Amino acid sequence: MVQPSISYVDIRFVAHATEDVNKVIEAVNNVLPSDYLNDLAFNRNLVEGHYGNPITFFETRINDKEIGRIFVENIASKLSILDKEELTKEFNRYVDKGSLYIRLDKQAAFQKIIKLVVNDPIRIRIRFITSKNEDIIEICRSIGMIL
């Protein structure tokens, strides 16, 4: 069996002018492993939207392999069977060059629910040490991310 070999995890999200930045941060914190919240710092950049509206862009990288593994296992343990079925069926849409890309629902995360979404997500990139899809599939199965 392939060991869960995560190189790093990138987390990115935005807070739009119409959103309460503190609530968006709280939603993201609900996705993170609570024991490691103080170990993670987000870079914050203010950018301008298409219509001149202010957008706050947040990003961080989890380089610590143990924290990255715990983070991914936490997500995997809270994803619904339907989301895991989606990831399993459409795996090739979510994987590219050794990374698994998933998008989590910010609104649901605020309610401490982890689920996949397309629009206005918390973007997660899980970079594996291997770039072989067969190995990544086995790693994701062993973590419980896919069926």
N, C-alpha and C. Protein backbone atom coordinates (compact mmCIF):
# COMPACT_ATOMS: atom_id res chain seq x y z
N MET A 1 0.84 -1.19 0.00
CA MET A 1 0.00 0.00 0.00
C MET A 1 0.88 1.25 0.00
N VAL A 2 0.48 2.25 -0.75
CA VAL A 2 1.21 3.50 -0.83
C VAL A 2 0.92 4.32 0.42
N GLN A 3 1.97 4.86 1.04
CA GLN A 3 1.79 5.70 2.23
C GLN A 3 1.26 7.07 1.81
N PRO A 4 0.43 7.71 2.66
CA PRO A 4 -0.05 9.05 2.35
C PRO A 4 1.12 10.02 2.26
N SER A 5 1.53 10.33 1.06
CA SER A 5 2.72 11.13 0.81
C SER A 5 2.34 12.50 0.26
N ILE A 6 2.03 13.41 1.16
CA ILE A 6 1.63 14.76 0.78
C ILE A 6 2.83 15.68 0.91
N SER A 7 3.15 16.36 -0.16
CA SER A 7 4.28 17.28 -0.16
C SER A 7 3.90 18.60 0.52
N TYR A 8 2.78 19.18 0.11
CA TYR A 8 2.27 20.41 0.73
C TYR A 8 0.81 20.60 0.35
N VAL A 9 0.15 21.54 1.03
CA VAL A 9 -1.24 21.87 0.75
C VAL A 9 -1.34 23.39 0.63
N ASP A 10 -1.94 23.84 -0.46
CA ASP A 10 -2.22 25.27 -0.65
C ASP A 10 -3.70 25.51 -0.36
N ILE A 11 -3.98 26.59 0.35
CA ILE A 11 -5.35 26.99 0.65
C ILE A 11 -5.51 28.43 0.18
N ARG A 12 -6.54 28.69 -0.62
CA ARG A 12 -6.81 30.04 -1.12
C ARG A 12 -8.31 30.30 -1.05
N PHE A 13 -8.63 31.54 -0.73
CA PHE A 13 -10.03 31.94 -0.71
C PHE A 13 -10.11 33.45 -0.79
N VAL A 14 -11.30 33.94 -1.11
CA VAL A 14 -11.51 35.38 -1.19
C VAL A 14 -12.66 35.77 -0.28
N ALA A 15 -12.61 37.02 0.16
CA ALA A 15 -13.73 37.63 0.87
C ALA A 15 -14.16 38.83 0.02
N HIS A 16 -15.36 38.76 -0.49
CA HIS A 16 -15.90 39.84 -1.31
C HIS A 16 -16.35 41.00 -0.43
N ALA A 17 -16.52 42.15 -1.05
CA ALA A 17 -16.94 43.36 -0.31
C ALA A 17 -18.26 43.15 0.41
N THR A 18 -19.10 42.27 -0.11
CA THR A 18 -20.42 42.01 0.49
C THR A 18 -20.36 41.01 1.64
N GLU A 19 -19.17 40.44 1.88
CA GLU A 19 -19.02 39.43 2.93
C GLU A 19 -18.30 40.01 4.14
N ASP A 20 -18.61 39.48 5.29
CA ASP A 20 -17.92 39.82 6.52
C ASP A 20 -16.61 39.02 6.55
N VAL A 21 -15.48 39.70 6.47
CA VAL A 21 -14.18 39.04 6.40
C VAL A 21 -13.99 38.10 7.59
N ASN A 22 -14.40 38.51 8.77
CA ASN A 22 -14.23 37.66 9.96
C ASN A 22 -15.03 36.37 9.85
N LYS A 23 -16.22 36.44 9.26
CA LYS A 23 -17.02 35.22 9.08
C LYS A 23 -16.41 34.30 8.04
N VAL A 24 -15.83 34.87 7.00
CA VAL A 24 -15.16 34.06 5.98
C VAL A 24 -13.95 33.35 6.61
N ILE A 25 -13.19 34.07 7.40
CA ILE A 25 -12.03 33.47 8.09
C ILE A 25 -12.51 32.38 9.06
N GLU A 26 -13.60 32.62 9.76
CA GLU A 26 -14.15 31.61 10.66
C GLU A 26 -14.55 30.36 9.88
N ALA A 27 -15.15 30.54 8.71
CA ALA A 27 -15.53 29.39 7.87
C ALA A 27 -14.30 28.57 7.50
N VAL A 28 -13.24 29.24 7.09
CA VAL A 28 -12.02 28.54 6.72
C VAL A 28 -11.41 27.86 7.94
N ASN A 29 -11.42 28.52 9.06
CA ASN A 29 -10.89 27.90 10.29
C ASN A 29 -11.65 26.63 10.65
N ASN A 30 -12.94 26.57 10.30
CA ASN A 30 -13.74 25.37 10.56
C ASN A 30 -13.28 24.18 9.72
N VAL A 31 -12.58 24.45 8.63
CA VAL A 31 -12.06 23.39 7.76
C VAL A 31 -10.68 22.92 8.21
N LEU A 32 -9.96 23.80 8.87
CA LEU A 32 -8.59 23.51 9.30
C LEU A 32 -8.57 22.66 10.57
N PRO A 33 -7.50 21.88 10.78
CA PRO A 33 -7.38 21.13 12.03
C PRO A 33 -7.22 22.11 13.20
N SER A 34 -8.13 22.08 14.14
CA SER A 34 -8.18 23.08 15.22
C SER A 34 -6.89 23.12 16.06
N ASP A 35 -6.21 21.99 16.19
CA ASP A 35 -4.98 21.98 16.99
C ASP A 35 -3.83 22.76 16.35
N TYR A 36 -3.99 23.10 15.06
CA TYR A 36 -2.89 23.73 14.33
C TYR A 36 -3.24 25.13 13.80
N LEU A 37 -4.35 25.69 14.25
CA LEU A 37 -4.76 27.01 13.76
C LEU A 37 -3.68 28.07 13.99
N ASN A 38 -3.01 28.02 15.14
CA ASN A 38 -1.98 29.02 15.44
C ASN A 38 -0.71 28.83 14.63
N ASP A 39 -0.56 27.66 14.00
CA ASP A 39 0.63 27.39 13.19
C ASP A 39 0.48 27.87 11.75
N LEU A 40 -0.72 28.28 11.37
CA LEU A 40 -0.99 28.67 10.00
C LEU A 40 -1.25 30.17 9.90
N ALA A 41 -0.56 30.82 8.99
CA ALA A 41 -0.74 32.25 8.76
C ALA A 41 -1.10 32.45 7.30
N PHE A 42 -2.12 33.25 7.06
CA PHE A 42 -2.56 33.54 5.71
C PHE A 42 -2.00 34.87 5.24
N ASN A 43 -1.48 34.89 4.03
CA ASN A 43 -1.13 36.15 3.38
C ASN A 43 -2.43 36.78 2.92
N ARG A 44 -2.53 38.08 3.08
CA ARG A 44 -3.75 38.81 2.73
C ARG A 44 -3.39 39.90 1.73
N ASN A 45 -4.09 39.91 0.60
CA ASN A 45 -3.89 40.94 -0.42
C ASN A 45 -5.22 41.55 -0.79
N LEU A 46 -5.25 42.86 -0.88
CA LEU A 46 -6.44 43.55 -1.34
C LEU A 46 -6.33 43.74 -2.84
N VAL A 47 -7.34 43.31 -3.55
CA VAL A 47 -7.37 43.47 -5.00
C VAL A 47 -8.69 44.12 -5.39
N GLU A 48 -8.75 44.54 -6.63
CA GLU A 48 -9.96 45.19 -7.13
C GLU A 48 -10.67 44.24 -8.07
N GLY A 49 -11.99 44.09 -7.87
CA GLY A 49 -12.79 43.23 -8.73
C GLY A 49 -13.05 43.86 -10.08
N HIS A 50 -13.73 43.14 -10.93
CA HIS A 50 -14.02 43.58 -12.29
C HIS A 50 -14.77 44.91 -12.33
N TYR A 51 -15.61 45.15 -11.37
CA TYR A 51 -16.41 46.38 -11.33
C TYR A 51 -15.86 47.38 -10.30
N GLY A 52 -14.62 47.21 -9.90
CA GLY A 52 -14.00 48.13 -8.96
C GLY A 52 -14.27 47.81 -7.51
N ASN A 53 -14.97 46.72 -7.26
CA ASN A 53 -15.28 46.33 -5.88
C ASN A 53 -14.05 45.73 -5.20
N PRO A 54 -13.87 46.03 -3.91
CA PRO A 54 -12.70 45.48 -3.20
C PRO A 54 -12.89 43.99 -2.88
N ILE A 55 -11.83 43.24 -3.08
CA ILE A 55 -11.81 41.81 -2.78
C ILE A 55 -10.56 41.55 -1.96
N THR A 56 -10.71 40.81 -0.86
CA THR A 56 -9.56 40.41 -0.06
C THR A 56 -9.22 38.98 -0.42
N PHE A 57 -8.01 38.77 -0.88
CA PHE A 57 -7.53 37.47 -1.32
C PHE A 57 -6.61 36.90 -0.24
N PHE A 58 -6.89 35.69 0.21
CA PHE A 58 -6.10 35.02 1.25
C PHE A 58 -5.46 33.76 0.67
N GLU A 59 -4.23 33.49 1.12
CA GLU A 59 -3.59 32.24 0.72
C GLU A 59 -2.54 31.82 1.75
N THR A 60 -2.34 30.52 1.83
CA THR A 60 -1.28 29.97 2.67
C THR A 60 -0.86 28.63 2.09
N ARG A 61 0.30 28.19 2.51
CA ARG A 61 0.79 26.86 2.13
C ARG A 61 1.16 26.13 3.41
N ILE A 62 0.66 24.92 3.52
CA ILE A 62 1.03 24.04 4.64
C ILE A 62 2.19 23.19 4.14
N ASN A 63 3.40 23.52 4.59
CA ASN A 63 4.59 22.77 4.20
C ASN A 63 4.89 21.61 5.13
N ASP A 64 4.39 21.69 6.36
CA ASP A 64 4.61 20.62 7.34
C ASP A 64 3.80 19.40 6.90
N LYS A 65 4.49 18.32 6.58
CA LYS A 65 3.83 17.13 6.05
C LYS A 65 2.82 16.52 7.01
N GLU A 66 3.12 16.55 8.30
CA GLU A 66 2.20 16.00 9.30
C GLU A 66 0.92 16.83 9.38
N ILE A 67 1.05 18.15 9.42
CA ILE A 67 -0.14 19.02 9.46
C ILE A 67 -0.92 18.86 8.16
N GLY A 68 -0.21 18.78 7.03
CA GLY A 68 -0.88 18.58 5.74
C GLY A 68 -1.67 17.28 5.72
N ARG A 69 -1.07 16.21 6.23
CA ARG A 69 -1.77 14.92 6.28
C ARG A 69 -3.00 15.01 7.16
N ILE A 70 -2.85 15.62 8.33
CA ILE A 70 -3.98 15.75 9.26
C ILE A 70 -5.10 16.58 8.62
N PHE A 71 -4.72 17.67 7.95
CA PHE A 71 -5.69 18.52 7.26
C PHE A 71 -6.48 17.73 6.22
N VAL A 72 -5.77 16.98 5.38
CA VAL A 72 -6.42 16.21 4.32
C VAL A 72 -7.28 15.10 4.91
N GLU A 73 -6.80 14.42 5.93
CA GLU A 73 -7.61 13.38 6.57
C GLU A 73 -8.86 13.97 7.20
N ASN A 74 -8.76 15.18 7.77
CA ASN A 74 -9.91 15.86 8.35
C ASN A 74 -10.97 16.13 7.28
N ILE A 75 -10.53 16.65 6.14
CA ILE A 75 -11.47 16.91 5.04
C ILE A 75 -12.10 15.60 4.59
N ALA A 76 -11.27 14.59 4.37
CA ALA A 76 -11.77 13.30 3.89
C ALA A 76 -12.79 12.70 4.85
N SER A 77 -12.56 12.83 6.14
CA SER A 77 -13.47 12.24 7.13
C SER A 77 -14.82 12.95 7.17
N LYS A 78 -14.88 14.19 6.69
CA LYS A 78 -16.12 14.96 6.78
C LYS A 78 -16.85 15.11 5.45
N LEU A 79 -16.23 14.66 4.36
CA LEU A 79 -16.92 14.71 3.07
C LEU A 79 -18.05 13.69 3.04
N SER A 80 -19.14 14.04 2.40
CA SER A 80 -20.26 13.12 2.28
C SER A 80 -19.92 12.01 1.29
N ILE A 81 -20.67 10.94 1.36
CA ILE A 81 -20.51 9.84 0.40
C ILE A 81 -20.73 10.35 -1.02
N LEU A 82 -21.72 11.25 -1.21
CA LEU A 82 -21.98 11.79 -2.55
C LEU A 82 -20.78 12.56 -3.09
N ASP A 83 -20.13 13.36 -2.24
CA ASP A 83 -18.94 14.09 -2.69
C ASP A 83 -17.80 13.12 -2.98
N LYS A 84 -17.64 12.09 -2.17
CA LYS A 84 -16.59 11.11 -2.42
C LYS A 84 -16.87 10.35 -3.71
N GLU A 85 -18.15 10.06 -3.99
CA GLU A 85 -18.51 9.42 -5.26
C GLU A 85 -18.16 10.32 -6.43
N GLU A 86 -18.45 11.62 -6.30
CA GLU A 86 -18.13 12.59 -7.34
C GLU A 86 -16.62 12.61 -7.60
N LEU A 87 -15.83 12.71 -6.53
CA LEU A 87 -14.37 12.72 -6.67
C LEU A 87 -13.87 11.42 -7.32
N THR A 88 -14.47 10.31 -6.94
CA THR A 88 -14.05 9.01 -7.48
C THR A 88 -14.39 8.90 -8.96
N LYS A 89 -15.63 9.24 -9.32
CA LYS A 89 -16.07 9.12 -10.71
C LYS A 89 -15.32 10.08 -11.64
N GLU A 90 -15.11 11.28 -11.17
CA GLU A 90 -14.50 12.33 -12.00
C GLU A 90 -13.07 12.65 -11.59
N PHE A 91 -12.38 11.65 -11.07
CA PHE A 91 -11.05 11.86 -10.49
C PHE A 91 -10.11 12.61 -11.43
N ASN A 92 -10.12 12.25 -12.69
CA ASN A 92 -9.21 12.88 -13.65
C ASN A 92 -9.48 14.37 -13.84
N ARG A 93 -10.68 14.82 -13.54
CA ARG A 93 -11.00 16.26 -13.61
C ARG A 93 -10.39 17.01 -12.42
N TYR A 94 -10.13 16.33 -11.34
CA TYR A 94 -9.63 16.96 -10.11
C TYR A 94 -8.12 16.85 -9.94
N VAL A 95 -7.46 16.05 -10.78
CA VAL A 95 -6.02 15.81 -10.63
C VAL A 95 -5.29 16.36 -11.85
N ASP A 96 -4.16 17.01 -11.56
CA ASP A 96 -3.32 17.50 -12.65
C ASP A 96 -1.88 17.57 -12.15
N LYS A 97 -0.99 16.90 -12.84
CA LYS A 97 0.45 16.96 -12.58
C LYS A 97 0.82 16.79 -11.10
N GLY A 98 0.27 15.76 -10.49
CA GLY A 98 0.65 15.44 -9.11
C GLY A 98 -0.11 16.19 -8.03
N SER A 99 -1.14 16.94 -8.41
CA SER A 99 -1.92 17.69 -7.43
C SER A 99 -3.41 17.35 -7.56
N LEU A 100 -4.07 17.29 -6.43
CA LEU A 100 -5.52 17.13 -6.37
C LEU A 100 -6.10 18.50 -6.03
N TYR A 101 -7.03 18.96 -6.85
CA TYR A 101 -7.66 20.27 -6.66
C TYR A 101 -9.11 20.06 -6.24
N ILE A 102 -9.47 20.58 -5.08
CA ILE A 102 -10.86 20.52 -4.65
C ILE A 102 -11.31 21.91 -4.23
N ARG A 103 -12.61 22.12 -4.32
CA ARG A 103 -13.21 23.39 -3.93
C ARG A 103 -14.28 23.11 -2.89
N LEU A 104 -14.13 23.78 -1.74
CA LEU A 104 -15.07 23.56 -0.64
C LEU A 104 -15.99 24.76 -0.49
N ASP A 105 -17.20 24.48 -0.10
CA ASP A 105 -18.25 25.49 0.06
C ASP A 105 -17.98 26.36 1.29
N LYS A 106 -17.78 27.67 1.08
CA LYS A 106 -17.52 28.60 2.20
C LYS A 106 -18.73 28.70 3.12
N GLN A 107 -19.92 28.78 2.53
CA GLN A 107 -21.13 28.94 3.34
C GLN A 107 -21.34 27.71 4.23
N ALA A 108 -21.16 26.53 3.66
CA ALA A 108 -21.31 25.30 4.44
C ALA A 108 -20.22 25.22 5.51
N ALA A 109 -19.01 25.62 5.16
CA ALA A 109 -17.90 25.57 6.12
C ALA A 109 -18.20 26.44 7.33
N PHE A 110 -18.89 27.55 7.12
CA PHE A 110 -19.26 28.41 8.25
C PHE A 110 -20.16 27.63 9.22
N GLN A 111 -20.94 26.70 8.69
CA GLN A 111 -21.81 25.84 9.51
C GLN A 111 -21.11 24.55 9.93
N LYS A 112 -19.79 24.49 9.71
CA LYS A 112 -18.95 23.33 10.06
C LYS A 112 -19.29 22.09 9.25
N ILE A 113 -19.71 22.32 8.00
CA ILE A 113 -19.99 21.24 7.06
C ILE A 113 -19.00 21.36 5.92
N ILE A 114 -18.37 20.25 5.57
CA ILE A 114 -17.41 20.25 4.48
C ILE A 114 -18.06 19.57 3.29
N LYS A 115 -18.18 20.35 2.19
CA LYS A 115 -18.74 19.78 0.97
C LYS A 115 -18.17 20.49 -0.24
N LEU A 116 -18.20 19.76 -1.35
CA LEU A 116 -17.67 20.30 -2.60
C LEU A 116 -18.63 21.32 -3.18
N VAL A 117 -18.06 22.27 -3.92
CA VAL A 117 -18.86 23.31 -4.56
C VAL A 117 -18.08 23.81 -5.77
N VAL A 118 -18.75 24.50 -6.67
CA VAL A 118 -18.09 25.06 -7.85
C VAL A 118 -17.83 26.56 -7.67
N ASN A 119 -18.84 27.29 -7.21
CA ASN A 119 -18.75 28.75 -7.14
C ASN A 119 -18.29 29.26 -5.78
N ASP A 120 -17.47 30.33 -5.80
CA ASP A 120 -17.02 31.05 -4.62
C ASP A 120 -16.51 30.11 -3.52
N PRO A 121 -15.50 29.30 -3.86
CA PRO A 121 -15.04 28.26 -2.92
C PRO A 121 -13.85 28.66 -2.07
N ILE A 122 -13.55 27.75 -1.16
CA ILE A 122 -12.24 27.67 -0.52
C ILE A 122 -11.48 26.71 -1.42
N ARG A 123 -10.44 27.20 -2.07
CA ARG A 123 -9.70 26.37 -3.02
C ARG A 123 -8.56 25.63 -2.30
N ILE A 124 -8.52 24.33 -2.51
CA ILE A 124 -7.51 23.49 -1.88
C ILE A 124 -6.71 22.79 -2.98
N ARG A 125 -5.40 22.88 -2.89
CA ARG A 125 -4.51 22.12 -3.77
C ARG A 125 -3.67 21.22 -2.88
N ILE A 126 -3.82 19.92 -3.08
CA ILE A 126 -3.05 18.94 -2.33
C ILE A 126 -1.97 18.42 -3.28
N ARG A 127 -0.72 18.75 -2.99
CA ARG A 127 0.40 18.33 -3.84
C ARG A 127 1.02 17.09 -3.24
N PHE A 128 1.05 16.03 -4.04
CA PHE A 128 1.61 14.76 -3.61
C PHE A 128 3.07 14.66 -4.03
N ILE A 129 3.81 13.83 -3.34
CA ILE A 129 5.21 13.61 -3.68
C ILE A 129 5.30 12.92 -5.04
N THR A 130 4.36 12.05 -5.34
CA THR A 130 4.31 11.35 -6.62
C THR A 130 3.44 12.13 -7.61
N SER A 131 3.69 11.91 -8.88
CA SER A 131 2.83 12.53 -9.89
C SER A 131 2.07 11.48 -10.69
N LYS A 132 2.21 10.23 -10.30
CA LYS A 132 1.50 9.15 -10.99
C LYS A 132 0.06 9.07 -10.48
N ASN A 133 -0.89 9.17 -11.40
CA ASN A 133 -2.30 9.13 -11.01
C ASN A 133 -2.66 7.86 -10.26
N GLU A 134 -2.07 6.72 -10.65
CA GLU A 134 -2.39 5.46 -9.97
C GLU A 134 -1.99 5.53 -8.50
N ASP A 135 -0.83 6.12 -8.22
CA ASP A 135 -0.39 6.25 -6.83
C ASP A 135 -1.26 7.25 -6.07
N ILE A 136 -1.63 8.34 -6.72
CA ILE A 136 -2.48 9.35 -6.07
C ILE A 136 -3.85 8.76 -5.75
N ILE A 137 -4.38 7.96 -6.66
CA ILE A 137 -5.67 7.29 -6.40
C ILE A 137 -5.54 6.40 -5.15
N GLU A 138 -4.46 5.64 -5.06
CA GLU A 138 -4.26 4.75 -3.90
C GLU A 138 -4.11 5.55 -2.62
N ILE A 139 -3.37 6.66 -2.68
CA ILE A 139 -3.20 7.52 -1.51
C ILE A 139 -4.56 8.07 -1.08
N CYS A 140 -5.32 8.57 -2.05
CA CYS A 140 -6.63 9.15 -1.72
C CYS A 140 -7.59 8.11 -1.16
N ARG A 141 -7.51 6.89 -1.65
CA ARG A 141 -8.33 5.79 -1.10
C ARG A 141 -7.91 5.50 0.33
N SER A 142 -6.59 5.45 0.58
CA SER A 142 -6.12 5.11 1.93
C SER A 142 -6.48 6.20 2.93
N ILE A 143 -6.54 7.45 2.47
CA ILE A 143 -6.94 8.56 3.35
C ILE A 143 -8.46 8.59 3.56
N GLY A 144 -9.20 8.02 2.58
CA GLY A 144 -10.66 8.06 2.65
C GLY A 144 -11.25 9.21 1.86
N MET A 145 -10.46 9.83 0.99
CA MET A 145 -10.92 10.95 0.17
C MET A 145 -11.83 10.47 -0.96
N ILE A 146 -11.53 9.27 -1.49
CA ILE A 146 -12.34 8.68 -2.56
C ILE A 146 -12.73 7.27 -2.15
N LEU A 147 -13.68 6.70 -2.89
CA LEU A 147 -14.16 5.35 -2.59
C LEU A 147 -13.38 4.30 -3.35
